Amino acid sequence: MKYFTFGMKDMRITQSYNGTVSHKPHWYNSKDYSDYPIDIAGSDGGQSPYYATVDMKVTACKGIGTSMTNTIWLVALENCKTPLGDNIKPFIALTHWNDNDSAIAKHKNAGDIVKAGEVICYEGTDGASANHLHMICGDAN
C-alpha cells in the first residue's frame, strides 16, 4: 500500500483549519464531513510546486478565465496509508493557482491522471493577494 503525504518540499501552513467562517470544513452542514481546509505556501513567497505523492485522477478543474477561483479536485487511484490511518482513499482540492499554470495545462480535464512525482500545480494568486494554495483533503471512501 502506498503512502499519501504532503506534496510540497517545505510545509508552511499560513492559515490552518480553525472552524471559523473562512476555514470550516466545506461540508460542515452534513453530519459526515471529512475535509480539512488549510492555506499552504512554500518557504520564499514564490510559486512553489505541489507534487502528486501517489497517482491521482482529476475529477474536476474549474475557474480558468472566469470569475470563479481556480480549483482542481483530485482523488487517489487506490487506497493509501496516511497520517489518519490505513485504507484511506485520499482526495485533495487545490485552489488559487494562476490561469497560466504550466502544470495545470497538462492535466486539467476530468479523468486525466497525474502520476506520483508530477507537479499538480504551482502556488498562485488567483482570487488571493499573495502566492499560496488553499488545500482541502479528506477520505473519498
Protein backbone atom coordinates (compact mmCIF):
# COMPACT_ATOMS: atom_id res chain seq x y z
CA MET A 1 0.00 0.00 0.00
CA LYS A 2 1.34 3.45 -0.94
CA TYR A 3 1.84 6.35 1.44
CA PHE A 4 -0.06 9.58 0.79
CA THR A 5 1.90 12.53 2.14
CA PHE A 6 2.08 16.32 1.85
CA GLY A 7 3.11 17.33 -1.67
CA MET A 8 5.36 20.36 -1.17
CA LYS A 9 9.08 20.41 -0.38
CA ASP A 10 8.51 22.77 2.55
CA MET A 11 5.44 22.58 4.76
CA ARG A 12 4.43 26.09 5.74
CA ILE A 13 0.82 26.43 6.80
CA THR A 14 -0.19 30.07 6.58
CA GLN A 15 -3.74 29.56 7.86
CA SER A 16 -4.94 26.36 9.47
CA TYR A 17 -8.21 24.55 9.86
CA ASN A 18 -9.76 26.54 12.67
CA GLY A 19 -13.53 26.22 12.37
CA THR A 20 -14.04 29.91 11.53
CA VAL A 21 -16.23 31.05 8.66
CA SER A 22 -13.33 31.04 6.19
CA HIS A 23 -11.88 27.70 7.23
CA LYS A 24 -14.74 25.45 8.26
CA PRO A 25 -14.96 22.03 6.67
CA HIS A 26 -16.55 22.62 3.28
CA TRP A 27 -19.42 20.26 4.03
CA TYR A 28 -19.90 21.46 7.61
CA ASN A 29 -23.71 21.25 7.35
CA SER A 30 -23.50 17.50 6.82
CA LYS A 31 -23.04 15.25 9.84
CA ASP A 32 -20.37 13.28 7.99
CA TYR A 33 -17.93 15.84 6.59
CA SER A 34 -14.28 14.93 6.34
CA ASP A 35 -12.29 17.69 4.64
CA TYR A 36 -9.81 19.92 6.42
CA PRO A 37 -9.04 23.28 4.75
CA ILE A 38 -5.65 24.96 5.18
CA ASP A 39 -3.62 27.59 3.34
CA ILE A 40 -0.13 26.47 2.38
CA ALA A 41 2.88 28.24 0.89
CA GLY A 42 6.49 27.46 0.08
CA SER A 43 9.34 28.94 2.06
CA ASP A 44 10.08 32.02 -0.06
CA GLY A 45 6.79 33.60 -1.14
CA GLY A 46 7.38 32.47 -4.73
CA GLN A 47 5.47 29.89 -6.71
CA SER A 48 6.46 26.56 -5.20
CA PRO A 49 5.11 23.40 -6.85
CA TYR A 50 2.64 20.98 -5.30
CA TYR A 51 3.50 17.39 -6.30
CA ALA A 52 1.30 14.31 -6.51
CA THR A 53 2.64 11.84 -3.95
CA VAL A 54 0.54 8.98 -5.35
CA ASP A 55 -1.16 8.51 -8.72
CA MET A 56 -4.29 10.69 -8.75
CA LYS A 57 -7.22 11.24 -11.10
CA VAL A 58 -8.53 14.72 -11.84
CA THR A 59 -12.25 14.78 -11.02
CA ALA A 60 -12.79 18.45 -11.92
CA CYS A 61 -10.82 21.58 -12.80
CA LYS A 62 -12.65 24.90 -12.83
CA GLY A 63 -12.13 28.61 -12.88
CA ILE A 64 -9.67 29.25 -15.72
CA GLY A 65 -10.67 32.50 -17.42
CA THR A 66 -13.75 33.02 -15.24
CA SER A 67 -14.59 34.86 -12.04
CA MET A 68 -14.58 31.54 -10.13
CA THR A 69 -11.36 30.94 -8.19
CA ASN A 70 -9.19 28.34 -9.95
CA THR A 71 -9.58 24.95 -8.30
CA ILE A 72 -8.55 21.40 -9.19
CA TRP A 73 -10.03 18.34 -7.45
CA LEU A 74 -8.19 15.01 -7.45
CA VAL A 75 -8.69 11.59 -5.91
CA ALA A 76 -6.09 8.84 -5.40
CA LEU A 77 -6.41 5.85 -7.70
CA GLU A 78 -6.14 3.44 -4.78
CA ASN A 79 -6.41 3.29 -1.02
CA CYS A 80 -3.32 4.56 0.79
CA LYS A 81 -1.66 4.83 4.17
CA THR A 82 -1.99 8.35 5.57
CA PRO A 83 -1.41 10.11 8.89
CA LEU A 84 -5.13 9.45 9.53
CA GLY A 85 -4.72 5.70 9.07
CA ASP A 86 -4.59 2.92 6.50
CA ASN A 87 -7.04 2.08 3.72
CA ILE A 88 -7.96 5.70 3.06
CA LYS A 89 -8.64 6.91 -0.47
CA PRO A 90 -7.32 10.49 -0.27
CA PHE A 91 -8.87 13.36 -2.16
CA ILE A 92 -7.45 16.86 -2.40
CA ALA A 93 -8.57 20.16 -3.85
CA LEU A 94 -6.04 22.90 -4.59
CA THR A 95 -7.15 26.49 -5.16
CA HIS A 96 -5.53 29.83 -6.17
CA TRP A 97 -3.13 28.61 -8.91
CA ASN A 98 -2.95 31.02 -11.83
CA ASP A 99 -4.67 30.71 -15.23
CA ASN A 100 -1.30 30.27 -16.98
CA ASP A 101 -0.07 27.49 -14.65
CA SER A 102 2.09 25.22 -16.84
CA ALA A 103 1.37 22.10 -14.77
CA ILE A 104 -2.41 22.57 -14.88
CA ALA A 105 -2.21 22.91 -18.67
CA LYS A 106 -1.01 19.26 -18.80
CA HIS A 107 -3.86 17.74 -16.78
CA LYS A 108 -6.89 20.00 -16.47
CA ASN A 109 -9.54 17.63 -17.78
CA ALA A 110 -11.67 15.33 -15.66
CA GLY A 111 -10.26 11.83 -15.96
CA ASP A 112 -6.66 12.96 -16.53
CA ILE A 113 -4.12 11.05 -14.42
CA VAL A 114 -1.37 12.86 -12.53
CA LYS A 115 1.39 10.36 -11.77
CA ALA A 116 3.24 10.30 -8.45
CA GLY A 117 6.12 12.78 -8.63
CA GLU A 118 4.47 15.05 -11.22
CA VAL A 119 3.63 18.66 -10.39
CA ILE A 120 -0.11 19.18 -9.95
CA CYS A 121 0.10 22.98 -9.82
CA TYR A 122 2.10 25.92 -8.52
CA GLU A 123 1.21 28.43 -5.84
CA GLY A 124 -0.65 31.38 -7.31
CA THR A 125 -2.67 34.49 -6.64
CA ASP A 126 -5.95 33.79 -8.47
CA GLY A 127 -8.54 35.15 -6.03
CA ALA A 128 -5.81 35.88 -3.46
CA SER A 129 -3.38 38.66 -2.60
CA ALA A 130 -0.21 36.56 -2.19
CA ASN A 131 1.17 33.34 -3.68
CA HIS A 132 -0.21 30.33 -1.84
CA LEU A 133 -2.57 27.39 -2.27
CA HIS A 134 -5.77 26.67 -0.40
CA MET A 135 -5.93 22.93 0.18
CA ILE A 136 -8.63 20.62 1.41
CA CYS A 137 -8.17 16.92 1.89
CA GLY A 138 -10.14 14.00 3.14
CA ASP A 139 -11.18 10.41 2.57
CA ALA A 140 -13.06 9.79 -0.68
CA ASN A 141 -14.35 6.49 0.72
